[in-house]
Amino acid sequence: MADLNITEHELVALDAAIASNCVPCAESHIGEARRLGLTDSQIAEAVQVADKVRQVPARKVLRAALRLSNETLDPARPGSGDSPDKVASASQQDHPCCR
């Protein structure tokens, strides 16, 4: 990491904090960025860039979830009358990330 100066390093850390939704991390890195001489305008710009990057996968997963829930609740589809709990339980069995 010797190629980044301390200010650039702090901006990367701030952006990572925003992207990971870590409020205490963001607070810490904003304070450090100010201590290093970054203006509030520069910090706000970095936060806005990080938020735009963070929103892309969030929107994609939201769209997928809405599409899947519409498919699950569509009365024209076989098995669509299953309760949300039954659907969630079946999904958890299929996907180890949800256990």
N, C-alpha and C. Protein backbone atom coordinates (compact mmCIF):
# COMPACT_ATOMS: atom_id res chain seq x y z
N MET A 1 0.81 -1.20 0.00
CA MET A 1 0.00 0.00 0.00
C MET A 1 0.85 1.26 0.00
N ALA A 2 2.07 1.14 -0.31
CA ALA A 2 2.96 2.29 -0.30
C ALA A 2 2.67 3.25 -1.45
N ASP A 3 1.92 2.80 -2.45
CA ASP A 3 1.63 3.67 -3.58
C ASP A 3 0.54 4.69 -3.29
N LEU A 4 -0.26 4.47 -2.27
CA LEU A 4 -1.28 5.43 -1.87
C LEU A 4 -0.72 6.33 -0.78
N ASN A 5 -0.99 7.62 -0.89
CA ASN A 5 -0.59 8.48 0.23
C ASN A 5 -1.62 8.31 1.35
N ILE A 6 -1.36 8.88 2.49
CA ILE A 6 -2.21 8.68 3.67
C ILE A 6 -3.63 9.19 3.44
N THR A 7 -3.78 10.27 2.69
CA THR A 7 -5.11 10.82 2.42
C THR A 7 -5.89 9.90 1.49
N GLU A 8 -5.23 9.42 0.45
CA GLU A 8 -5.89 8.48 -0.47
C GLU A 8 -6.28 7.20 0.27
N HIS A 9 -5.39 6.74 1.12
CA HIS A 9 -5.67 5.55 1.92
C HIS A 9 -6.91 5.76 2.78
N GLU A 10 -7.03 6.93 3.38
CA GLU A 10 -8.18 7.23 4.24
C GLU A 10 -9.47 7.31 3.44
N LEU A 11 -9.41 7.86 2.23
CA LEU A 11 -10.60 7.91 1.38
C LEU A 11 -11.06 6.51 0.99
N VAL A 12 -10.12 5.63 0.70
CA VAL A 12 -10.47 4.24 0.39
C VAL A 12 -11.13 3.59 1.62
N ALA A 13 -10.56 3.82 2.79
CA ALA A 13 -11.13 3.26 4.02
C ALA A 13 -12.53 3.82 4.28
N LEU A 14 -12.73 5.11 4.05
CA LEU A 14 -14.05 5.72 4.22
C LEU A 14 -15.04 5.10 3.25
N ASP A 15 -14.64 4.95 1.99
CA ASP A 15 -15.54 4.36 1.00
C ASP A 15 -15.89 2.92 1.36
N ALA A 16 -14.93 2.17 1.87
CA ALA A 16 -15.20 0.80 2.30
C ALA A 16 -16.18 0.78 3.47
N ALA A 17 -16.04 1.73 4.38
CA ALA A 17 -16.96 1.82 5.52
C ALA A 17 -18.38 2.10 5.05
N ILE A 18 -18.52 3.00 4.08
CA ILE A 18 -19.84 3.32 3.53
C ILE A 18 -20.41 2.10 2.82
N ALA A 19 -19.59 1.46 2.00
CA ALA A 19 -20.05 0.30 1.23
C ALA A 19 -20.47 -0.85 2.13
N SER A 20 -19.85 -0.96 3.30
CA SER A 20 -20.20 -2.06 4.21
C SER A 20 -21.24 -1.65 5.25
N ASN A 21 -21.77 -0.44 5.13
CA ASN A 21 -22.82 0.06 6.03
C ASN A 21 -22.39 0.09 7.49
N CYS A 22 -21.14 0.43 7.73
CA CYS A 22 -20.61 0.45 9.10
C CYS A 22 -20.58 1.89 9.61
N VAL A 23 -21.58 2.26 10.41
CA VAL A 23 -21.68 3.63 10.92
C VAL A 23 -20.47 4.01 11.78
N PRO A 24 -20.07 3.20 12.76
CA PRO A 24 -18.91 3.59 13.57
C PRO A 24 -17.64 3.74 12.73
N CYS A 25 -17.49 2.88 11.72
CA CYS A 25 -16.32 2.97 10.84
C CYS A 25 -16.36 4.28 10.06
N ALA A 26 -17.53 4.61 9.51
CA ALA A 26 -17.67 5.85 8.74
C ALA A 26 -17.37 7.06 9.62
N GLU A 27 -17.90 7.06 10.83
CA GLU A 27 -17.65 8.18 11.75
C GLU A 27 -16.15 8.33 12.01
N SER A 28 -15.50 7.22 12.25
CA SER A 28 -14.06 7.24 12.52
C SER A 28 -13.28 7.76 11.32
N HIS A 29 -13.61 7.25 10.14
CA HIS A 29 -12.85 7.64 8.94
C HIS A 29 -13.16 9.07 8.50
N ILE A 30 -14.37 9.55 8.75
CA ILE A 30 -14.67 10.95 8.45
C ILE A 30 -13.84 11.85 9.36
N GLY A 31 -13.78 11.51 10.64
CA GLY A 31 -12.94 12.28 11.57
C GLY A 31 -11.48 12.28 11.16
N GLU A 32 -10.98 11.12 10.76
CA GLU A 32 -9.58 11.02 10.34
C GLU A 32 -9.35 11.79 9.05
N ALA A 33 -10.31 11.74 8.12
CA ALA A 33 -10.17 12.48 6.86
C ALA A 33 -10.10 13.98 7.14
N ARG A 34 -10.93 14.46 8.06
CA ARG A 34 -10.87 15.88 8.44
C ARG A 34 -9.53 16.21 9.08
N ARG A 35 -9.05 15.33 9.94
CA ARG A 35 -7.76 15.56 10.60
C ARG A 35 -6.64 15.67 9.58
N LEU A 36 -6.77 14.92 8.49
CA LEU A 36 -5.75 14.94 7.43
C LEU A 36 -5.90 16.14 6.50
N GLY A 37 -6.94 16.95 6.72
CA GLY A 37 -7.09 18.18 5.94
C GLY A 37 -8.09 18.13 4.81
N LEU A 38 -8.82 17.03 4.66
CA LEU A 38 -9.84 16.99 3.62
C LEU A 38 -11.00 17.88 4.02
N THR A 39 -11.57 18.55 3.04
CA THR A 39 -12.71 19.43 3.31
C THR A 39 -13.98 18.59 3.39
N ASP A 40 -15.01 19.19 3.98
CA ASP A 40 -16.30 18.50 4.04
C ASP A 40 -16.83 18.23 2.64
N SER A 41 -16.55 19.11 1.70
CA SER A 41 -16.98 18.91 0.32
C SER A 41 -16.29 17.69 -0.30
N GLN A 42 -15.01 17.54 -0.05
CA GLN A 42 -14.27 16.37 -0.56
C GLN A 42 -14.77 15.08 0.08
N ILE A 43 -15.03 15.14 1.37
CA ILE A 43 -15.54 13.97 2.08
C ILE A 43 -16.92 13.60 1.55
N ALA A 44 -17.77 14.60 1.38
CA ALA A 44 -19.12 14.34 0.86
C ALA A 44 -19.07 13.72 -0.53
N GLU A 45 -18.16 14.19 -1.36
CA GLU A 45 -18.02 13.62 -2.70
C GLU A 45 -17.60 12.15 -2.62
N ALA A 46 -16.66 11.84 -1.75
CA ALA A 46 -16.22 10.45 -1.58
C ALA A 46 -17.38 9.58 -1.08
N VAL A 47 -18.16 10.10 -0.15
CA VAL A 47 -19.30 9.36 0.38
C VAL A 47 -20.33 9.11 -0.72
N GLN A 48 -20.57 10.12 -1.55
CA GLN A 48 -21.54 9.97 -2.64
C GLN A 48 -21.08 8.92 -3.65
N VAL A 49 -19.80 8.91 -3.97
CA VAL A 49 -19.27 7.89 -4.89
C VAL A 49 -19.44 6.50 -4.28
N ALA A 50 -19.09 6.35 -3.02
CA ALA A 50 -19.22 5.05 -2.35
C ALA A 50 -20.68 4.60 -2.32
N ASP A 51 -21.58 5.54 -2.07
CA ASP A 51 -22.99 5.18 -2.01
C ASP A 51 -23.51 4.73 -3.36
N LYS A 52 -23.08 5.38 -4.42
CA LYS A 52 -23.50 4.95 -5.76
C LYS A 52 -23.03 3.53 -6.04
N VAL A 53 -21.80 3.23 -5.68
CA VAL A 53 -21.26 1.88 -5.88
C VAL A 53 -22.03 0.87 -5.03
N ARG A 54 -22.35 1.24 -3.80
CA ARG A 54 -23.06 0.36 -2.88
C ARG A 54 -24.48 0.08 -3.35
N GLN A 55 -25.12 1.06 -3.97
CA GLN A 55 -26.52 0.92 -4.36
C GLN A 55 -26.73 -0.05 -5.52
N VAL A 56 -25.75 -0.24 -6.38
CA VAL A 56 -25.94 -1.11 -7.54
C VAL A 56 -26.31 -2.53 -7.12
N PRO A 57 -25.51 -3.21 -6.29
CA PRO A 57 -25.91 -4.56 -5.89
C PRO A 57 -27.16 -4.57 -5.02
N ALA A 58 -27.38 -3.52 -4.24
CA ALA A 58 -28.58 -3.45 -3.40
C ALA A 58 -29.83 -3.41 -4.28
N ARG A 59 -29.79 -2.60 -5.34
CA ARG A 59 -30.94 -2.54 -6.27
C ARG A 59 -31.14 -3.87 -6.97
N LYS A 60 -30.04 -4.51 -7.37
CA LYS A 60 -30.16 -5.80 -8.07
C LYS A 60 -30.78 -6.87 -7.19
N VAL A 61 -30.37 -6.95 -5.94
CA VAL A 61 -30.94 -7.97 -5.06
C VAL A 61 -32.39 -7.64 -4.74
N LEU A 62 -32.73 -6.36 -4.62
CA LEU A 62 -34.12 -5.97 -4.39
C LEU A 62 -34.98 -6.38 -5.57
N ARG A 63 -34.52 -6.08 -6.79
CA ARG A 63 -35.28 -6.47 -7.99
C ARG A 63 -35.46 -7.98 -8.04
N ALA A 64 -34.40 -8.72 -7.75
CA ALA A 64 -34.49 -10.18 -7.78
C ALA A 64 -35.48 -10.69 -6.74
N ALA A 65 -35.44 -10.12 -5.55
CA ALA A 65 -36.36 -10.55 -4.49
C ALA A 65 -37.80 -10.24 -4.87
N LEU A 66 -38.04 -9.06 -5.43
CA LEU A 66 -39.40 -8.71 -5.85
C LEU A 66 -39.87 -9.62 -6.98
N ARG A 67 -38.99 -9.90 -7.92
CA ARG A 67 -39.34 -10.79 -9.02
C ARG A 67 -39.66 -12.18 -8.47
N LEU A 68 -38.83 -12.67 -7.58
CA LEU A 68 -39.05 -14.00 -7.01
C LEU A 68 -40.32 -14.04 -6.17
N SER A 69 -40.59 -12.99 -5.42
CA SER A 69 -41.81 -12.99 -4.60
C SER A 69 -43.04 -12.93 -5.49
N ASN A 70 -42.98 -12.19 -6.59
CA ASN A 70 -44.11 -12.14 -7.51
C ASN A 70 -44.33 -13.50 -8.15
N GLU A 71 -43.24 -14.19 -8.49
CA GLU A 71 -43.37 -15.53 -9.06
C GLU A 71 -43.98 -16.47 -8.04
N THR A 72 -43.56 -16.35 -6.80
CA THR A 72 -44.04 -17.24 -5.75
C THR A 72 -45.51 -17.00 -5.46
N LEU A 73 -45.94 -15.75 -5.52
CA LEU A 73 -47.31 -15.41 -5.16
C LEU A 73 -48.26 -15.39 -6.35
N ASP A 74 -47.78 -15.68 -7.54
CA ASP A 74 -48.61 -15.67 -8.74
C ASP A 74 -49.56 -16.86 -8.71
N PRO A 75 -50.90 -16.62 -8.63
CA PRO A 75 -51.84 -17.73 -8.53
C PRO A 75 -51.85 -18.64 -9.76
N ALA A 76 -51.35 -18.17 -10.89
CA ALA A 76 -51.32 -18.99 -12.10
C ALA A 76 -50.21 -20.03 -12.06
N ARG A 77 -49.27 -19.89 -11.15
CA ARG A 77 -48.14 -20.82 -11.08
C ARG A 77 -48.43 -21.94 -10.09
N PRO A 78 -48.09 -23.17 -10.46
CA PRO A 78 -48.26 -24.28 -9.52
C PRO A 78 -47.43 -24.04 -8.26
N GLY A 79 -48.02 -24.34 -7.12
CA GLY A 79 -47.31 -24.19 -5.85
C GLY A 79 -47.25 -22.76 -5.35
N SER A 80 -47.88 -21.83 -6.10
CA SER A 80 -47.77 -20.43 -5.70
C SER A 80 -48.65 -20.10 -4.51
N GLY A 81 -49.53 -21.00 -4.13
CA GLY A 81 -50.38 -20.76 -2.98
C GLY A 81 -49.68 -21.05 -1.67
N ASP A 82 -48.43 -21.51 -1.74
CA ASP A 82 -47.69 -21.80 -0.52
C ASP A 82 -47.53 -20.55 0.32
N SER A 83 -47.55 -20.73 1.62
CA SER A 83 -47.38 -19.59 2.51
C SER A 83 -45.96 -19.05 2.40
N PRO A 84 -45.77 -17.77 2.69
CA PRO A 84 -44.41 -17.22 2.67
C PRO A 84 -43.46 -17.98 3.58
N ASP A 85 -43.97 -18.46 4.74
CA ASP A 85 -43.11 -19.23 5.65
C ASP A 85 -42.65 -20.53 5.02
N LYS A 86 -43.57 -21.20 4.29
CA LYS A 86 -43.20 -22.45 3.63
C LYS A 86 -42.17 -22.20 2.54
N VAL A 87 -42.38 -21.13 1.78
CA VAL A 87 -41.42 -20.78 0.72
C VAL A 87 -40.07 -20.46 1.33
N ALA A 88 -40.05 -19.66 2.40
CA ALA A 88 -38.79 -19.29 3.05
C ALA A 88 -38.09 -20.52 3.60
N SER A 89 -38.86 -21.43 4.20
CA SER A 89 -38.27 -22.64 4.75
C SER A 89 -37.63 -23.48 3.66
N ALA A 90 -38.32 -23.63 2.53
CA ALA A 90 -37.77 -24.39 1.41
C ALA A 90 -36.53 -23.72 0.86
N SER A 91 -36.55 -22.40 0.78
CA SER A 91 -35.39 -21.67 0.27
C SER A 91 -34.19 -21.86 1.17
N GLN A 92 -34.40 -21.85 2.47
CA GLN A 92 -33.29 -22.01 3.40
C GLN A 92 -32.67 -23.39 3.29
N GLN A 93 -33.47 -24.37 2.96
CA GLN A 93 -32.94 -25.72 2.80
C GLN A 93 -32.07 -25.80 1.55
N ASP A 94 -32.43 -25.03 0.53
CA ASP A 94 -31.70 -25.06 -0.73
C ASP A 94 -30.43 -24.23 -0.70
N HIS A 95 -30.36 -23.25 0.17
CA HIS A 95 -29.25 -22.29 0.16
C HIS A 95 -28.58 -22.24 1.52
N PRO A 96 -27.38 -22.79 1.63
CA PRO A 96 -26.70 -22.80 2.93
C PRO A 96 -26.39 -21.41 3.47
N CYS A 97 -26.38 -20.39 2.63
CA CYS A 97 -26.07 -19.05 3.13
C CYS A 97 -27.17 -18.52 4.04
N CYS A 98 -28.36 -19.10 3.97
CA CYS A 98 -29.50 -18.61 4.73
C CYS A 98 -29.73 -19.38 6.03
N ARG A 99 -28.90 -20.31 6.34
CA ARG A 99 -29.12 -21.14 7.54
C ARG A 99 -28.70 -20.43 8.78
